[in-house]
């Protein structure tokens, strides 16, 4: 696996961990990011609660998280 892929997968795990901490579901995150300014607000809230930056949090990552949850 490439380093870039491992970093992306690690960030997905961090997002899931932070969602658990906030008692939020992936499906709620999916609805939230599709609202106007939703992705920016979700990124801000995630960074505030995880104490780190996440440049990987984007719509495609949220879609992948939803797909993985459904499986």
PDB file of N, CA and C in Angstrom:
ATOM      1  N   UNK A   1       0.834  -1.187   0.000  1.00  0.00           N
ATOM      2  CA  UNK A   1       0.000   0.000   0.000  1.00  0.00           C
ATOM      3  C   UNK A   1       0.877   1.248   0.000  1.00  0.00           C
ATOM      4  N   UNK A   2       0.386   2.243  -0.667  1.00  0.00           N
ATOM      5  CA  UNK A   2       1.148   3.476  -0.713  1.00  0.00           C
ATOM      6  C   UNK A   2       0.928   4.282   0.572  1.00  0.00           C
ATOM      7  N   UNK A   3       1.857   5.159   0.815  1.00  0.00           N
ATOM      8  CA  UNK A   3       1.771   6.002   2.011  1.00  0.00           C
ATOM      9  C   UNK A   3       0.521   6.886   1.954  1.00  0.00           C
ATOM     10  N   UNK A   4       0.217   7.383   0.781  1.00  0.00           N
ATOM     11  CA  UNK A   4      -0.946   8.253   0.609  1.00  0.00           C
ATOM     12  C   UNK A   4      -2.238   7.502   0.943  1.00  0.00           C
ATOM     13  N   UNK A   5      -2.347   6.270   0.489  1.00  0.00           N
ATOM     14  CA  UNK A   5      -3.530   5.457   0.776  1.00  0.00           C
ATOM     15  C   UNK A   5      -3.654   5.187   2.272  1.00  0.00           C
ATOM     16  N   UNK A   6      -2.538   4.864   2.921  1.00  0.00           N
ATOM     17  CA  UNK A   6      -2.560   4.606   4.365  1.00  0.00           C
ATOM     18  C   UNK A   6      -2.978   5.853   5.136  1.00  0.00           C
ATOM     19  N   UNK A   7      -2.486   7.020   4.727  1.00  0.00           N
ATOM     20  CA  UNK A   7      -2.873   8.272   5.393  1.00  0.00           C
ATOM     21  C   UNK A   7      -4.370   8.526   5.232  1.00  0.00           C
ATOM     22  N   UNK A   8      -4.890   8.279   4.041  1.00  0.00           N
ATOM     23  CA  UNK A   8      -6.310   8.483   3.776  1.00  0.00           C
ATOM     24  C   UNK A   8      -7.153   7.538   4.638  1.00  0.00           C
ATOM     25  N   UNK A   9      -6.775   6.275   4.704  1.00  0.00           N
ATOM     26  CA  UNK A   9      -7.500   5.302   5.520  1.00  0.00           C
ATOM     27  C   UNK A   9      -7.417   5.663   7.009  1.00  0.00           C
ATOM     28  N   UNK A  10      -6.260   6.152   7.441  1.00  0.00           N
ATOM     29  CA  UNK A  10      -6.100   6.581   8.829  1.00  0.00           C
ATOM     30  C   UNK A  10      -7.035   7.742   9.131  1.00  0.00           C
ATOM     31  N   UNK A  11      -7.137   8.694   8.227  1.00  0.00           N
ATOM     32  CA  UNK A  11      -8.018   9.844   8.427  1.00  0.00           C
ATOM     33  C   UNK A  11      -9.480   9.393   8.476  1.00  0.00           C
ATOM     34  N   UNK A  12      -9.850   8.406   7.666  1.00  0.00           N
ATOM     35  CA  UNK A  12     -11.216   7.883   7.733  1.00  0.00           C
ATOM     36  C   UNK A  12     -11.491   7.276   9.103  1.00  0.00           C
ATOM     37  N   UNK A  13     -10.547   6.540   9.635  1.00  0.00           N
ATOM     38  CA  UNK A  13     -10.709   5.962  10.973  1.00  0.00           C
ATOM     39  C   UNK A  13     -10.820   7.060  12.030  1.00  0.00           C
ATOM     40  N   UNK A  14     -10.049   8.113  11.877  1.00  0.00           N
ATOM     41  CA  UNK A  14     -10.118   9.233  12.825  1.00  0.00           C
ATOM     42  C   UNK A  14     -11.479   9.923  12.759  1.00  0.00           C
ATOM     43  N   UNK A  15     -12.013  10.057  11.564  1.00  0.00           N
ATOM     44  CA  UNK A  15     -13.339  10.656  11.409  1.00  0.00           C
ATOM     45  C   UNK A  15     -14.373   9.792  12.117  1.00  0.00           C
ATOM     46  N   UNK A  16     -14.302   8.487  11.923  1.00  0.00           N
ATOM     47  CA  UNK A  16     -15.248   7.580  12.584  1.00  0.00           C
ATOM     48  C   UNK A  16     -15.125   7.653  14.101  1.00  0.00           C
ATOM     49  N   UNK A  17     -13.901   7.721  14.581  1.00  0.00           N
ATOM     50  CA  UNK A  17     -13.678   7.818  16.028  1.00  0.00           C
ATOM     51  C   UNK A  17     -14.277   9.115  16.584  1.00  0.00           C
ATOM     52  N   UNK A  18     -14.069  10.210  15.878  1.00  0.00           N
ATOM     53  CA  UNK A  18     -14.601  11.493  16.329  1.00  0.00           C
ATOM     54  C   UNK A  18     -16.126  11.504  16.264  1.00  0.00           C
ATOM     55  N   UNK A  19     -16.694  10.871  15.240  1.00  0.00           N
ATOM     56  CA  UNK A  19     -18.156  10.773  15.169  1.00  0.00           C
ATOM     57  C   UNK A  19     -18.707  10.001  16.352  1.00  0.00           C
ATOM     58  N   UNK A  20     -18.029   8.922  16.731  1.00  0.00           N
ATOM     59  CA  UNK A  20     -18.454   8.175  17.920  1.00  0.00           C
ATOM     60  C   UNK A  20     -18.377   9.038  19.162  1.00  0.00           C
ATOM     61  N   UNK A  21     -17.313   9.812  19.255  1.00  0.00           N
ATOM     62  CA  UNK A  21     -17.133  10.707  20.405  1.00  0.00           C
ATOM     63  C   UNK A  21     -18.263  11.733  20.480  1.00  0.00           C
ATOM     64  N   UNK A  22     -18.692  12.221  19.321  1.00  0.00           N
ATOM     65  CA  UNK A  22     -19.772  13.211  19.261  1.00  0.00           C
ATOM     66  C   UNK A  22     -21.158  12.566  19.271  1.00  0.00           C
ATOM     67  N   UNK A  23     -21.196  11.233  19.303  1.00  0.00           N
ATOM     68  CA  UNK A  23     -22.446  10.476  19.244  1.00  0.00           C
ATOM     69  C   UNK A  23     -23.257  10.853  18.007  1.00  0.00           C
ATOM     70  N   UNK A  24     -22.563  10.860  16.873  1.00  0.00           N
ATOM     71  CA  UNK A  24     -23.143  11.228  15.597  1.00  0.00           C
ATOM     72  C   UNK A  24     -23.000  10.049  14.640  1.00  0.00           C
ATOM     73  N   UNK A  25     -23.962   9.832  13.785  1.00  0.00           N
ATOM     74  CA  UNK A  25     -23.870   8.729  12.833  1.00  0.00           C
ATOM     75  C   UNK A  25     -23.280   9.215  11.511  1.00  0.00           C
ATOM     76  N   UNK A  26     -22.796   8.269  10.740  1.00  0.00           N
ATOM     77  CA  UNK A  26     -22.245   8.590   9.422  1.00  0.00           C
ATOM     78  C   UNK A  26     -23.349   9.102   8.510  1.00  0.00           C
ATOM     79  N   UNK A  27     -24.537   8.560   8.665  1.00  0.00           N
ATOM     80  CA  UNK A  27     -25.656   9.011   7.825  1.00  0.00           C
ATOM     81  C   UNK A  27     -26.031  10.460   8.128  1.00  0.00           C
ATOM     82  N   UNK A  28     -25.974  10.844   9.405  1.00  0.00           N
ATOM     83  CA  UNK A  28     -26.230  12.248   9.745  1.00  0.00           C
ATOM     84  C   UNK A  28     -25.152  13.138   9.128  1.00  0.00           C
ATOM     85  N   UNK A  29     -23.894  12.694   9.195  1.00  0.00           N
ATOM     86  CA  UNK A  29     -22.813  13.462   8.583  1.00  0.00           C
ATOM     87  C   UNK A  29     -23.055  13.633   7.092  1.00  0.00           C
ATOM     88  N   UNK A  30     -23.540  12.593   6.450  1.00  0.00           N
ATOM     89  CA  UNK A  30     -23.830  12.656   5.017  1.00  0.00           C
ATOM     90  C   UNK A  30     -24.887  13.713   4.711  1.00  0.00           C
ATOM     91  N   UNK A  31     -25.941  13.768   5.522  1.00  0.00           N
ATOM     92  CA  UNK A  31     -26.987  14.776   5.326  1.00  0.00           C
ATOM     93  C   UNK A  31     -26.428  16.163   5.620  1.00  0.00           C
ATOM     94  N   UNK A  32     -25.624  16.269   6.666  1.00  0.00           N
ATOM     95  CA  UNK A  32     -25.069  17.557   7.088  1.00  0.00           C
ATOM     96  C   UNK A  32     -24.172  18.160   6.016  1.00  0.00           C
ATOM     97  N   UNK A  33     -23.286  17.365   5.423  1.00  0.00           N
ATOM     98  CA  UNK A  33     -22.343  17.927   4.456  1.00  0.00           C
ATOM     99  C   UNK A  33     -23.013  18.322   3.156  1.00  0.00           C
ATOM    100  N   UNK A  34     -24.216  17.829   2.898  1.00  0.00           N
ATOM    101  CA  UNK A  34     -24.920  18.201   1.677  1.00  0.00           C
ATOM    102  C   UNK A  34     -25.722  19.487   1.826  1.00  0.00           C
ATOM    103  N   UNK A  35     -25.795  20.030   3.029  1.00  0.00           N
ATOM    104  CA  UNK A  35     -26.443  21.319   3.260  1.00  0.00           C
ATOM    105  C   UNK A  35     -25.492  22.445   2.823  1.00  0.00           C
ATOM    106  N   UNK A  36     -26.033  23.649   2.559  1.00  0.00           N
ATOM    107  CA  UNK A  36     -25.146  24.769   2.236  1.00  0.00           C
ATOM    108  C   UNK A  36     -24.165  25.025   3.389  1.00  0.00           C
ATOM    109  N   UNK A  37     -22.910  25.129   3.077  1.00  0.00           N
ATOM    110  CA  UNK A  37     -21.813  25.331   4.036  1.00  0.00           C
ATOM    111  C   UNK A  37     -21.673  24.145   4.994  1.00  0.00           C
ATOM    112  N   UNK A  38     -22.318  23.041   4.702  1.00  0.00           N
ATOM    113  CA  UNK A  38     -22.292  21.896   5.593  1.00  0.00           C
ATOM    114  C   UNK A  38     -20.923  21.257   5.726  1.00  0.00           C
ATOM    115  N   UNK A  39     -20.216  21.100   4.601  1.00  0.00           N
ATOM    116  CA  UNK A  39     -18.895  20.486   4.656  1.00  0.00           C
ATOM    117  C   UNK A  39     -17.931  21.337   5.469  1.00  0.00           C
ATOM    118  N   UNK A  40     -17.977  22.641   5.284  1.00  0.00           N
ATOM    119  CA  UNK A  40     -17.102  23.537   6.036  1.00  0.00           C
ATOM    120  C   UNK A  40     -17.426  23.492   7.523  1.00  0.00           C
ATOM    121  N   UNK A  41     -18.723  23.477   7.846  1.00  0.00           N
ATOM    122  CA  UNK A  41     -19.126  23.390   9.254  1.00  0.00           C
ATOM    123  C   UNK A  41     -18.733  22.050   9.865  1.00  0.00           C
ATOM    124  N   UNK A  42     -18.912  20.974   9.111  1.00  0.00           N
ATOM    125  CA  UNK A  42     -18.530  19.652   9.608  1.00  0.00           C
ATOM    126  C   UNK A  42     -17.022  19.576   9.826  1.00  0.00           C
ATOM    127  N   UNK A  43     -16.252  20.119   8.898  1.00  0.00           N
ATOM    128  CA  UNK A  43     -14.795  20.110   9.034  1.00  0.00           C
ATOM    129  C   UNK A  43     -14.372  20.913  10.271  1.00  0.00           C
ATOM    130  N   UNK A  44     -14.989  22.080  10.475  1.00  0.00           N
ATOM    131  CA  UNK A  44     -14.665  22.898  11.647  1.00  0.00           C
ATOM    132  C   UNK A  44     -14.989  22.149  12.938  1.00  0.00           C
ATOM    133  N   UNK A  45     -16.185  21.566  12.991  1.00  0.00           N
ATOM    134  CA  UNK A  45     -16.608  20.847  14.194  1.00  0.00           C
ATOM    135  C   UNK A  45     -15.706  19.639  14.441  1.00  0.00           C
ATOM    136  N   UNK A  46     -15.361  18.928  13.385  1.00  0.00           N
ATOM    137  CA  UNK A  46     -14.477  17.768  13.515  1.00  0.00           C
ATOM    138  C   UNK A  46     -13.105  18.182  14.043  1.00  0.00           C
ATOM    139  N   UNK A  47     -12.536  19.252  13.464  1.00  0.00           N
ATOM    140  CA  UNK A  47     -11.208  19.709  13.886  1.00  0.00           C
ATOM    141  C   UNK A  47     -11.232  20.213  15.325  1.00  0.00           C
ATOM    142  N   UNK A  48     -12.320  20.867  15.716  1.00  0.00           N
ATOM    143  CA  UNK A  48     -12.446  21.373  17.077  1.00  0.00           C
ATOM    144  C   UNK A  48     -12.493  20.230  18.087  1.00  0.00           C
ATOM    145  N   UNK A  49     -13.185  19.154  17.762  1.00  0.00           N
ATOM    146  CA  UNK A  49     -13.345  18.045  18.695  1.00  0.00           C
ATOM    147  C   UNK A  49     -12.240  17.005  18.624  1.00  0.00           C
ATOM    148  N   UNK A  50     -11.462  17.009  17.564  1.00  0.00           N
ATOM    149  CA  UNK A  50     -10.383  16.029  17.461  1.00  0.00           C
ATOM    150  C   UNK A  50      -9.016  16.665  17.718  1.00  0.00           C
ATOM    151  N   UNK A  51      -8.975  17.979  17.817  1.00  0.00           N
ATOM    152  CA  UNK A  51      -7.729  18.720  18.070  1.00  0.00           C
ATOM    153  C   UNK A  51      -6.670  18.473  17.006  1.00  0.00           C
ATOM    154  N   UNK A  52      -7.100  18.311  15.779  1.00  0.00           N
ATOM    155  CA  UNK A  52      -6.164  18.157  14.669  1.00  0.00           C
ATOM    156  C   UNK A  52      -6.836  18.576  13.375  1.00  0.00           C
ATOM    157  N   UNK A  53      -6.041  18.864  12.366  1.00  0.00           N
ATOM    158  CA  UNK A  53      -6.569  19.249  11.061  1.00  0.00           C
ATOM    159  C   UNK A  53      -6.840  18.012  10.231  1.00  0.00           C
ATOM    160  N   UNK A  54      -7.824  18.118   9.367  1.00  0.00           N
ATOM    161  CA  UNK A  54      -8.118  17.024   8.442  1.00  0.00           C
ATOM    162  C   UNK A  54      -8.364  17.624   7.074  1.00  0.00           C
ATOM    163  N   UNK A  55      -7.354  17.550   6.240  1.00  0.00           N
ATOM    164  CA  UNK A  55      -7.491  18.054   4.877  1.00  0.00           C
ATOM    165  C   UNK A  55      -8.199  17.054   3.977  1.00  0.00           C
ATOM    166  N   UNK A  56      -8.385  15.828   4.471  1.00  0.00           N
ATOM    167  CA  UNK A  56      -8.979  14.767   3.669  1.00  0.00           C
ATOM    168  C   UNK A  56     -10.496  14.749   3.756  1.00  0.00           C
ATOM    169  N   UNK A  57     -11.090  15.410   4.751  1.00  0.00           N
ATOM    170  CA  UNK A  57     -12.543  15.361   4.910  1.00  0.00           C
ATOM    171  C   UNK A  57     -13.195  16.098   3.745  1.00  0.00           C
ATOM    172  N   UNK A  58     -13.842  15.329   2.890  1.00  0.00           N
ATOM    173  CA  UNK A  58     -14.504  15.877   1.707  1.00  0.00           C
ATOM    174  C   UNK A  58     -15.710  15.003   1.388  1.00  0.00           C
ATOM    175  N   UNK A  59     -16.465  15.407   0.395  1.00  0.00           N
ATOM    176  CA  UNK A  59     -17.690  14.681   0.060  1.00  0.00           C
ATOM    177  C   UNK A  59     -17.417  13.231  -0.332  1.00  0.00           C
ATOM    178  N   UNK A  60     -16.339  12.990  -1.060  1.00  0.00           N
ATOM    179  CA  UNK A  60     -16.034  11.621  -1.477  1.00  0.00           C
ATOM    180  C   UNK A  60     -15.735  10.722  -0.278  1.00  0.00           C
ATOM    181  N   UNK A  61     -15.048  11.263   0.719  1.00  0.00           N
ATOM    182  CA  UNK A  61     -14.762  10.468   1.909  1.00  0.00           C
ATOM    183  C   UNK A  61     -16.060  10.138   2.643  1.00  0.00           C
ATOM    184  N   UNK A  62     -16.953  11.098   2.741  1.00  0.00           N
ATOM    185  CA  UNK A  62     -18.226  10.866   3.427  1.00  0.00           C
ATOM    186  C   UNK A  62     -19.027   9.801   2.673  1.00  0.00           C
ATOM    187  N   UNK A  63     -19.028   9.867   1.347  1.00  0.00           N
ATOM    188  CA  UNK A  63     -19.735   8.853   0.552  1.00  0.00           C
ATOM    189  C   UNK A  63     -19.145   7.468   0.795  1.00  0.00           C
ATOM    190  N   UNK A  64     -17.817   7.371   0.871  1.00  0.00           N
ATOM    191  CA  UNK A  64     -17.172   6.084   1.138  1.00  0.00           C
ATOM    192  C   UNK A  64     -17.542   5.572   2.528  1.00  0.00           C
ATOM    193  N   UNK A  65     -17.581   6.463   3.513  1.00  0.00           N
ATOM    194  CA  UNK A  65     -17.959   6.054   4.864  1.00  0.00           C
ATOM    195  C   UNK A  65     -19.382   5.523   4.917  1.00  0.00           C
ATOM    196  N   UNK A  66     -20.282   6.166   4.197  1.00  0.00           N
ATOM    197  CA  UNK A  66     -21.681   5.713   4.145  1.00  0.00           C
ATOM    198  C   UNK A  66     -21.752   4.351   3.472  1.00  0.00           C
ATOM    199  N   UNK A  67     -21.044   4.176   2.367  1.00  0.00           N
ATOM    200  CA  UNK A  67     -21.045   2.894   1.661  1.00  0.00           C
ATOM    201  C   UNK A  67     -20.499   1.784   2.538  1.00  0.00           C
ATOM    202  N   UNK A  68     -19.444   2.068   3.297  1.00  0.00           N
ATOM    203  CA  UNK A  68     -18.863   1.062   4.177  1.00  0.00           C
ATOM    204  C   UNK A  68     -19.817   0.708   5.323  1.00  0.00           C
ATOM    205  N   UNK A  69     -20.566   1.690   5.789  1.00  0.00           N
ATOM    206  CA  UNK A  69     -21.512   1.434   6.875  1.00  0.00           C
ATOM    207  C   UNK A  69     -22.660   0.549   6.397  1.00  0.00           C
ATOM    208  N   UNK A  70     -23.093   0.744   5.165  1.00  0.00           N
ATOM    209  CA  UNK A  70     -24.201  -0.013   4.606  1.00  0.00           C
ATOM    210  C   UNK A  70     -23.800  -1.478   4.386  1.00  0.00           C
ATOM    211  N   UNK A  71     -22.535  -1.713   4.031  1.00  0.00           N
ATOM    212  CA  UNK A  71     -22.084  -3.093   3.777  1.00  0.00           C
ATOM    213  C   UNK A  71     -22.120  -3.945   4.990  1.00  0.00           C
TER     214      UNK A  71
END
